[in-house]
């Protein structure tokens, strides 16, 4: 099973404005104490065991989802920062729903509770899933990049950007500050609404699937997938 993203896929798309994400990475690089390393956690589940995946976290700053011809759901998470060794990616299973949410291990007590609000933790999630699954994402900090075919994609972000590539399926995308950039297949039509940002829509009309993108301050760009 090939789990690497083809570099030619990424090279076909112009890079969006990532000012907020760049600032956060700069902050982590220069203000997280030197010498703090990271840990990598890998988990996997049988692909047919679930129909819905939920990612609920205000600690994650980057999420990458690749939907493809995979028989497994595979998660790779990278955690760095203060108390990183005590952070884990919790997974709860309820029926056909798999919920992923970072959390500290049981009985973990910060050394100084007064400074807990100032601790910096950096979490990245990379998720490989079978095609045509339903995915829900809610995060104040995270940016999302998703590639492939989804049954439904429901995204609610505050600060981060949302980028879809070679996308097919129904989608509801919401951001407060972040931009929304979509490259969709011909069977997807799109509607974009931004209160204070700009909207560029090449997906107008009717099609098999519908994508709705809404933002308060972010710009919205809806394109067809480059050939």
C-alpha atoms as a PDB file:
ATOM      1  CA  UNK A   1       0.000   0.000   0.000  1.00  0.00           C
ATOM      2  CA  UNK A   2       1.501   3.282  -1.080  1.00  0.00           C
ATOM      3  CA  UNK A   3       1.197   5.899   1.676  1.00  0.00           C
ATOM      4  CA  UNK A   4       3.434   8.612   0.240  1.00  0.00           C
ATOM      5  CA  UNK A   5       1.844  11.657  -1.350  1.00  0.00           C
ATOM      6  CA  UNK A   6       2.950  12.106  -4.918  1.00  0.00           C
ATOM      7  CA  UNK A   7       4.974  15.306  -5.046  1.00  0.00           C
ATOM      8  CA  UNK A   8       3.548  16.096  -8.476  1.00  0.00           C
ATOM      9  CA  UNK A   9       0.108  16.451  -6.895  1.00  0.00           C
ATOM     10  CA  UNK A  10       1.303  19.220  -4.588  1.00  0.00           C
ATOM     11  CA  UNK A  11       3.353  20.965  -7.253  1.00  0.00           C
ATOM     12  CA  UNK A  12       0.290  21.592  -9.449  1.00  0.00           C
ATOM     13  CA  UNK A  13      -1.320  23.907  -6.926  1.00  0.00           C
ATOM     14  CA  UNK A  14      -0.245  27.448  -5.996  1.00  0.00           C
ATOM     15  CA  UNK A  15       0.574  27.893  -2.334  1.00  0.00           C
ATOM     16  CA  UNK A  16      -2.039  29.790  -0.275  1.00  0.00           C
ATOM     17  CA  UNK A  17      -1.317  32.614   2.128  1.00  0.00           C
ATOM     18  CA  UNK A  18      -0.018  30.962   5.289  1.00  0.00           C
ATOM     19  CA  UNK A  19       0.880  34.034   7.338  1.00  0.00           C
ATOM     20  CA  UNK A  20      -0.847  32.903  10.533  1.00  0.00           C
ATOM     21  CA  UNK A  21       0.590  29.402  10.322  1.00  0.00           C
ATOM     22  CA  UNK A  22       4.048  30.816   9.582  1.00  0.00           C
ATOM     23  CA  UNK A  23       3.852  33.061  12.628  1.00  0.00           C
ATOM     24  CA  UNK A  24       2.887  30.107  14.807  1.00  0.00           C
ATOM     25  CA  UNK A  25       5.775  28.004  13.506  1.00  0.00           C
ATOM     26  CA  UNK A  26       8.143  30.946  14.090  1.00  0.00           C
ATOM     27  CA  UNK A  27       6.844  31.225  17.638  1.00  0.00           C
ATOM     28  CA  UNK A  28       7.336  27.519  18.278  1.00  0.00           C
ATOM     29  CA  UNK A  29      10.826  27.548  16.781  1.00  0.00           C
ATOM     30  CA  UNK A  30      12.157  30.451  18.822  1.00  0.00           C
ATOM     31  CA  UNK A  31      10.127  30.344  22.019  1.00  0.00           C
ATOM     32  CA  UNK A  32       9.891  26.628  22.779  1.00  0.00           C
ATOM     33  CA  UNK A  33      12.926  25.852  24.971  1.00  0.00           C
ATOM     34  CA  UNK A  34      15.871  24.394  23.107  1.00  0.00           C
ATOM     35  CA  UNK A  35      16.541  20.726  23.561  1.00  0.00           C
ATOM     36  CA  UNK A  36      12.881  19.715  23.656  1.00  0.00           C
ATOM     37  CA  UNK A  37      12.354  16.906  21.163  1.00  0.00           C
ATOM     38  CA  UNK A  38       9.219  15.364  19.766  1.00  0.00           C
ATOM     39  CA  UNK A  39       7.543  12.013  19.753  1.00  0.00           C
ATOM     40  CA  UNK A  40       5.770  10.224  16.933  1.00  0.00           C
ATOM     41  CA  UNK A  41       2.693   8.089  17.567  1.00  0.00           C
ATOM     42  CA  UNK A  42       1.290   5.717  14.961  1.00  0.00           C
ATOM     43  CA  UNK A  43      -2.071   3.986  15.184  1.00  0.00           C
ATOM     44  CA  UNK A  44      -4.166   2.020  12.716  1.00  0.00           C
ATOM     45  CA  UNK A  45      -7.664   0.570  12.462  1.00  0.00           C
ATOM     46  CA  UNK A  46      -9.435  -1.732  10.033  1.00  0.00           C
ATOM     47  CA  UNK A  47     -10.904   0.447   7.299  1.00  0.00           C
ATOM     48  CA  UNK A  48     -14.302  -1.259   7.207  1.00  0.00           C
ATOM     49  CA  UNK A  49     -14.836  -0.812  10.960  1.00  0.00           C
ATOM     50  CA  UNK A  50     -15.861   2.862  10.651  1.00  0.00           C
ATOM     51  CA  UNK A  51     -17.883   5.133   8.403  1.00  0.00           C
ATOM     52  CA  UNK A  52     -17.294   8.429  10.227  1.00  0.00           C
ATOM     53  CA  UNK A  53     -14.140  10.059  11.622  1.00  0.00           C
ATOM     54  CA  UNK A  54     -14.225  13.016  14.010  1.00  0.00           C
ATOM     55  CA  UNK A  55     -11.199  15.166  14.870  1.00  0.00           C
ATOM     56  CA  UNK A  56     -11.928  17.458  17.798  1.00  0.00           C
ATOM     57  CA  UNK A  57      -9.004  19.503  19.116  1.00  0.00           C
ATOM     58  CA  UNK A  58      -7.907  23.041  19.890  1.00  0.00           C
ATOM     59  CA  UNK A  59      -4.280  21.898  20.395  1.00  0.00           C
ATOM     60  CA  UNK A  60      -3.570  20.543  16.894  1.00  0.00           C
ATOM     61  CA  UNK A  61      -2.056  23.101  14.501  1.00  0.00           C
ATOM     62  CA  UNK A  62      -1.898  21.040  11.308  1.00  0.00           C
ATOM     63  CA  UNK A  63      -4.077  18.235   9.918  1.00  0.00           C
ATOM     64  CA  UNK A  64      -3.421  16.372   6.674  1.00  0.00           C
ATOM     65  CA  UNK A  65      -5.922  13.818   5.371  1.00  0.00           C
ATOM     66  CA  UNK A  66      -5.360  11.608   2.335  1.00  0.00           C
ATOM     67  CA  UNK A  67      -8.358   9.597   1.130  1.00  0.00           C
ATOM     68  CA  UNK A  68      -7.323   6.812  -1.203  1.00  0.00           C
ATOM     69  CA  UNK A  69      -7.497   3.123  -2.019  1.00  0.00           C
ATOM     70  CA  UNK A  70      -6.463   2.048   1.471  1.00  0.00           C
ATOM     71  CA  UNK A  71      -7.718  -0.942   3.475  1.00  0.00           C
ATOM     72  CA  UNK A  72      -6.755   0.668   6.788  1.00  0.00           C
ATOM     73  CA  UNK A  73      -7.219   3.927   8.626  1.00  0.00           C
ATOM     74  CA  UNK A  74      -3.713   4.986   9.557  1.00  0.00           C
ATOM     75  CA  UNK A  75      -2.810   7.877  11.852  1.00  0.00           C
ATOM     76  CA  UNK A  76       0.624   9.373  12.366  1.00  0.00           C
ATOM     77  CA  UNK A  77       0.880  12.141  14.950  1.00  0.00           C
ATOM     78  CA  UNK A  78       3.887  14.287  15.846  1.00  0.00           C
ATOM     79  CA  UNK A  79       3.904  15.976  19.241  1.00  0.00           C
ATOM     80  CA  UNK A  80       6.493  18.496  20.427  1.00  0.00           C
ATOM     81  CA  UNK A  81       6.730  21.173  23.089  1.00  0.00           C
ATOM     82  CA  UNK A  82       6.391  21.455  26.842  1.00  0.00           C
ATOM     83  CA  UNK A  83       5.276  18.195  28.515  1.00  0.00           C
ATOM     84  CA  UNK A  84       5.052  16.531  25.096  1.00  0.00           C
ATOM     85  CA  UNK A  85       5.862  13.151  26.629  1.00  0.00           C
ATOM     86  CA  UNK A  86       2.606  13.269  28.626  1.00  0.00           C
ATOM     87  CA  UNK A  87       0.381  14.104  25.650  1.00  0.00           C
ATOM     88  CA  UNK A  88      -1.358  11.340  23.736  1.00  0.00           C
ATOM     89  CA  UNK A  89      -3.858  11.081  20.877  1.00  0.00           C
ATOM     90  CA  UNK A  90      -6.954   9.564  22.371  1.00  0.00           C
ATOM     91  CA  UNK A  91      -9.228   7.447  20.182  1.00  0.00           C
ATOM     92  CA  UNK A  92     -12.783   6.564  21.147  1.00  0.00           C
ATOM     93  CA  UNK A  93     -14.968   4.180  19.177  1.00  0.00           C
ATOM     94  CA  UNK A  94     -18.751   4.347  19.213  1.00  0.00           C
ATOM     95  CA  UNK A  95     -20.539   2.257  16.648  1.00  0.00           C
ATOM     96  CA  UNK A  96     -19.213   3.258  13.242  1.00  0.00           C
ATOM     97  CA  UNK A  97     -17.739   6.541  14.553  1.00  0.00           C
ATOM     98  CA  UNK A  98     -14.030   6.977  15.366  1.00  0.00           C
ATOM     99  CA  UNK A  99     -13.231  10.116  17.384  1.00  0.00           C
ATOM    100  CA  UNK A 100      -9.652  11.413  17.664  1.00  0.00           C
ATOM    101  CA  UNK A 101      -8.789  13.943  20.353  1.00  0.00           C
ATOM    102  CA  UNK A 102      -5.408  14.841  21.939  1.00  0.00           C
ATOM    103  CA  UNK A 103      -5.329  14.649  25.715  1.00  0.00           C
ATOM    104  CA  UNK A 104      -2.872  14.387  28.577  1.00  0.00           C
ATOM    105  CA  UNK A 105      -2.357  10.986  30.093  1.00  0.00           C
ATOM    106  CA  UNK A 106      -4.342  10.125  33.232  1.00  0.00           C
ATOM    107  CA  UNK A 107      -2.920  11.469  36.491  1.00  0.00           C
ATOM    108  CA  UNK A 108      -0.673  13.966  34.692  1.00  0.00           C
ATOM    109  CA  UNK A 109      -0.133  17.064  36.864  1.00  0.00           C
ATOM    110  CA  UNK A 110       1.778  20.083  35.468  1.00  0.00           C
ATOM    111  CA  UNK A 111       4.734  21.123  37.623  1.00  0.00           C
ATOM    112  CA  UNK A 112       3.474  24.690  37.805  1.00  0.00           C
ATOM    113  CA  UNK A 113      -0.254  25.185  37.215  1.00  0.00           C
ATOM    114  CA  UNK A 114       0.149  28.974  37.098  1.00  0.00           C
ATOM    115  CA  UNK A 115       2.306  28.654  33.995  1.00  0.00           C
ATOM    116  CA  UNK A 116       0.141  26.027  32.302  1.00  0.00           C
ATOM    117  CA  UNK A 117      -1.655  28.620  30.173  1.00  0.00           C
ATOM    118  CA  UNK A 118       1.671  29.714  28.687  1.00  0.00           C
ATOM    119  CA  UNK A 119       2.886  26.269  27.676  1.00  0.00           C
ATOM    120  CA  UNK A 120       3.342  25.698  23.959  1.00  0.00           C
ATOM    121  CA  UNK A 121       2.476  22.315  22.482  1.00  0.00           C
ATOM    122  CA  UNK A 122       2.783  21.499  18.787  1.00  0.00           C
ATOM    123  CA  UNK A 123       0.690  18.660  17.351  1.00  0.00           C
ATOM    124  CA  UNK A 124       0.514  17.523  13.727  1.00  0.00           C
ATOM    125  CA  UNK A 125      -1.835  14.815  12.483  1.00  0.00           C
ATOM    126  CA  UNK A 126      -1.454  12.905   9.218  1.00  0.00           C
ATOM    127  CA  UNK A 127      -4.349  10.595   8.446  1.00  0.00           C
ATOM    128  CA  UNK A 128      -4.745   8.044   5.645  1.00  0.00           C
ATOM    129  CA  UNK A 129      -8.312   6.830   5.162  1.00  0.00           C
ATOM    130  CA  UNK A 130     -10.337   4.777   2.665  1.00  0.00           C
ATOM    131  CA  UNK A 131     -12.262   6.776   0.074  1.00  0.00           C
ATOM    132  CA  UNK A 132     -15.845   7.956   0.565  1.00  0.00           C
ATOM    133  CA  UNK A 133     -15.799   8.293   4.335  1.00  0.00           C
ATOM    134  CA  UNK A 134     -17.502  11.070   6.310  1.00  0.00           C
ATOM    135  CA  UNK A 135     -15.111  13.360   8.216  1.00  0.00           C
ATOM    136  CA  UNK A 136     -15.914  16.039  10.805  1.00  0.00           C
ATOM    137  CA  UNK A 137     -13.224  18.473  12.000  1.00  0.00           C
ATOM    138  CA  UNK A 138     -13.488  21.178  14.661  1.00  0.00           C
ATOM    139  CA  UNK A 139     -10.480  23.219  15.824  1.00  0.00           C
ATOM    140  CA  UNK A 140      -9.599  26.769  16.870  1.00  0.00           C
ATOM    141  CA  UNK A 141      -5.961  26.536  15.790  1.00  0.00           C
ATOM    142  CA  UNK A 142      -5.580  23.880  13.095  1.00  0.00           C
ATOM    143  CA  UNK A 143      -5.110  24.254   9.372  1.00  0.00           C
ATOM    144  CA  UNK A 144      -6.392  21.439   7.158  1.00  0.00           C
ATOM    145  CA  UNK A 145      -5.176  19.971   3.889  1.00  0.00           C
ATOM    146  CA  UNK A 146      -7.327  17.169   2.476  1.00  0.00           C
ATOM    147  CA  UNK A 147      -6.884  15.199  -0.734  1.00  0.00           C
ATOM    148  CA  UNK A 148      -9.240  12.731  -2.411  1.00  0.00           C
ATOM    149  CA  UNK A 149     -12.842  11.513  -2.403  1.00  0.00           C
ATOM    150  CA  UNK A 150     -15.089  11.948   0.641  1.00  0.00           C
ATOM    151  CA  UNK A 151     -18.720  11.074   1.245  1.00  0.00           C
ATOM    152  CA  UNK A 152     -19.005  14.228   3.332  1.00  0.00           C
ATOM    153  CA  UNK A 153     -16.471  16.673   4.761  1.00  0.00           C
ATOM    154  CA  UNK A 154     -17.596  19.041   7.521  1.00  0.00           C
ATOM    155  CA  UNK A 155     -14.924  21.516   8.685  1.00  0.00           C
ATOM    156  CA  UNK A 156     -15.086  24.237  11.336  1.00  0.00           C
ATOM    157  CA  UNK A 157     -11.854  26.209  11.858  1.00  0.00           C
ATOM    158  CA  UNK A 158     -11.119  29.489  13.596  1.00  0.00           C
ATOM    159  CA  UNK A 159      -7.521  30.577  12.867  1.00  0.00           C
ATOM    160  CA  UNK A 160      -6.377  27.999  10.337  1.00  0.00           C
ATOM    161  CA  UNK A 161      -6.682  27.674   6.568  1.00  0.00           C
ATOM    162  CA  UNK A 162      -8.599  24.966   4.706  1.00  0.00           C
ATOM    163  CA  UNK A 163      -7.148  23.500   1.499  1.00  0.00           C
ATOM    164  CA  UNK A 164      -8.775  20.736  -0.565  1.00  0.00           C
ATOM    165  CA  UNK A 165      -7.076  19.121  -3.569  1.00  0.00           C
ATOM    166  CA  UNK A 166      -8.477  16.694  -6.139  1.00  0.00           C
ATOM    167  CA  UNK A 167     -11.628  16.805  -4.032  1.00  0.00           C
ATOM    168  CA  UNK A 168     -14.881  14.999  -4.699  1.00  0.00           C
ATOM    169  CA  UNK A 169     -17.901  14.702  -2.425  1.00  0.00           C
ATOM    170  CA  UNK A 170     -20.186  16.943  -0.409  1.00  0.00           C
ATOM    171  CA  UNK A 171     -18.566  19.505   1.873  1.00  0.00           C
ATOM    172  CA  UNK A 172     -19.404  22.234   4.358  1.00  0.00           C
ATOM    173  CA  UNK A 173     -16.355  24.412   5.085  1.00  0.00           C
ATOM    174  CA  UNK A 174     -16.335  27.176   7.700  1.00  0.00           C
ATOM    175  CA  UNK A 175     -13.478  29.414   8.883  1.00  0.00           C
ATOM    176  CA  UNK A 176     -13.299  32.612  10.898  1.00  0.00           C
ATOM    177  CA  UNK A 177      -9.868  34.037   9.992  1.00  0.00           C
ATOM    178  CA  UNK A 178      -8.420  31.425   7.639  1.00  0.00           C
ATOM    179  CA  UNK A 179      -8.632  31.266   3.858  1.00  0.00           C
ATOM    180  CA  UNK A 180     -10.446  28.470   2.020  1.00  0.00           C
ATOM    181  CA  UNK A 181      -8.900  27.121  -1.185  1.00  0.00           C
ATOM    182  CA  UNK A 182     -10.518  24.253  -3.095  1.00  0.00           C
ATOM    183  CA  UNK A 183      -9.489  22.337  -6.219  1.00  0.00           C
ATOM    184  CA  UNK A 184     -12.467  20.099  -6.983  1.00  0.00           C
ATOM    185  CA  UNK A 185     -13.270  17.486  -9.611  1.00  0.00           C
ATOM    186  CA  UNK A 186     -15.880  18.206 -12.342  1.00  0.00           C
ATOM    187  CA  UNK A 187     -18.701  16.478 -10.444  1.00  0.00           C
ATOM    188  CA  UNK A 188     -18.555  19.108  -7.656  1.00  0.00           C
ATOM    189  CA  UNK A 189     -20.352  22.467  -7.689  1.00  0.00           C
ATOM    190  CA  UNK A 190     -19.509  25.160  -5.159  1.00  0.00           C
ATOM    191  CA  UNK A 191     -20.892  28.188  -3.337  1.00  0.00           C
ATOM    192  CA  UNK A 192     -18.634  30.670  -1.541  1.00  0.00           C
ATOM    193  CA  UNK A 193     -19.621  33.382   0.953  1.00  0.00           C
ATOM    194  CA  UNK A 194     -17.210  35.600   2.905  1.00  0.00           C
ATOM    195  CA  UNK A 195     -18.342  38.495   5.090  1.00  0.00           C
ATOM    196  CA  UNK A 196     -15.106  40.518   4.893  1.00  0.00           C
ATOM    197  CA  UNK A 197     -12.917  38.581   2.460  1.00  0.00           C
ATOM    198  CA  UNK A 198     -12.958  38.060  -1.300  1.00  0.00           C
ATOM    199  CA  UNK A 199     -14.656  35.223  -3.180  1.00  0.00           C
ATOM    200  CA  UNK A 200     -13.475  33.678  -6.458  1.00  0.00           C
ATOM    201  CA  UNK A 201     -15.710  30.855  -7.656  1.00  0.00           C
ATOM    202  CA  UNK A 202     -15.151  28.649 -10.697  1.00  0.00           C
ATOM    203  CA  UNK A 203     -17.450  25.918  -9.380  1.00  0.00           C
ATOM    204  CA  UNK A 204     -20.799  27.620  -9.911  1.00  0.00           C
ATOM    205  CA  UNK A 205     -23.636  25.650 -11.487  1.00  0.00           C
ATOM    206  CA  UNK A 206     -25.190  22.273 -10.717  1.00  0.00           C
ATOM    207  CA  UNK A 207     -23.387  18.988 -10.229  1.00  0.00           C
ATOM    208  CA  UNK A 208     -23.627  15.648  -8.443  1.00  0.00           C
ATOM    209  CA  UNK A 209     -21.984  16.969  -5.261  1.00  0.00           C
ATOM    210  CA  UNK A 210     -22.235  20.329  -3.504  1.00  0.00           C
ATOM    211  CA  UNK A 211     -19.544  22.232  -1.632  1.00  0.00           C
ATOM    212  CA  UNK A 212     -20.414  25.254   0.526  1.00  0.00           C
ATOM    213  CA  UNK A 213     -17.564  27.460   1.777  1.00  0.00           C
ATOM    214  CA  UNK A 214     -18.166  30.248   4.287  1.00  0.00           C
ATOM    215  CA  UNK A 215     -15.786  32.577   6.138  1.00  0.00           C
ATOM    216  CA  UNK A 216     -15.943  35.728   8.242  1.00  0.00           C
ATOM    217  CA  UNK A 217     -12.556  37.278   7.428  1.00  0.00           C
ATOM    218  CA  UNK A 218     -10.914  34.773   5.094  1.00  0.00           C
ATOM    219  CA  UNK A 219     -10.714  34.731   1.309  1.00  0.00           C
ATOM    220  CA  UNK A 220     -12.434  31.924  -0.607  1.00  0.00           C
ATOM    221  CA  UNK A 221     -11.100  30.462  -3.863  1.00  0.00           C
ATOM    222  CA  UNK A 222     -12.927  27.616  -5.600  1.00  0.00           C
ATOM    223  CA  UNK A 223     -11.297  26.039  -8.666  1.00  0.00           C
ATOM    224  CA  UNK A 224     -11.497  22.951 -10.827  1.00  0.00           C
ATOM    225  CA  UNK A 225      -8.688  20.442 -10.327  1.00  0.00           C
ATOM    226  CA  UNK A 226      -5.811  21.239 -12.732  1.00  0.00           C
ATOM    227  CA  UNK A 227      -5.337  18.672 -15.473  1.00  0.00           C
END
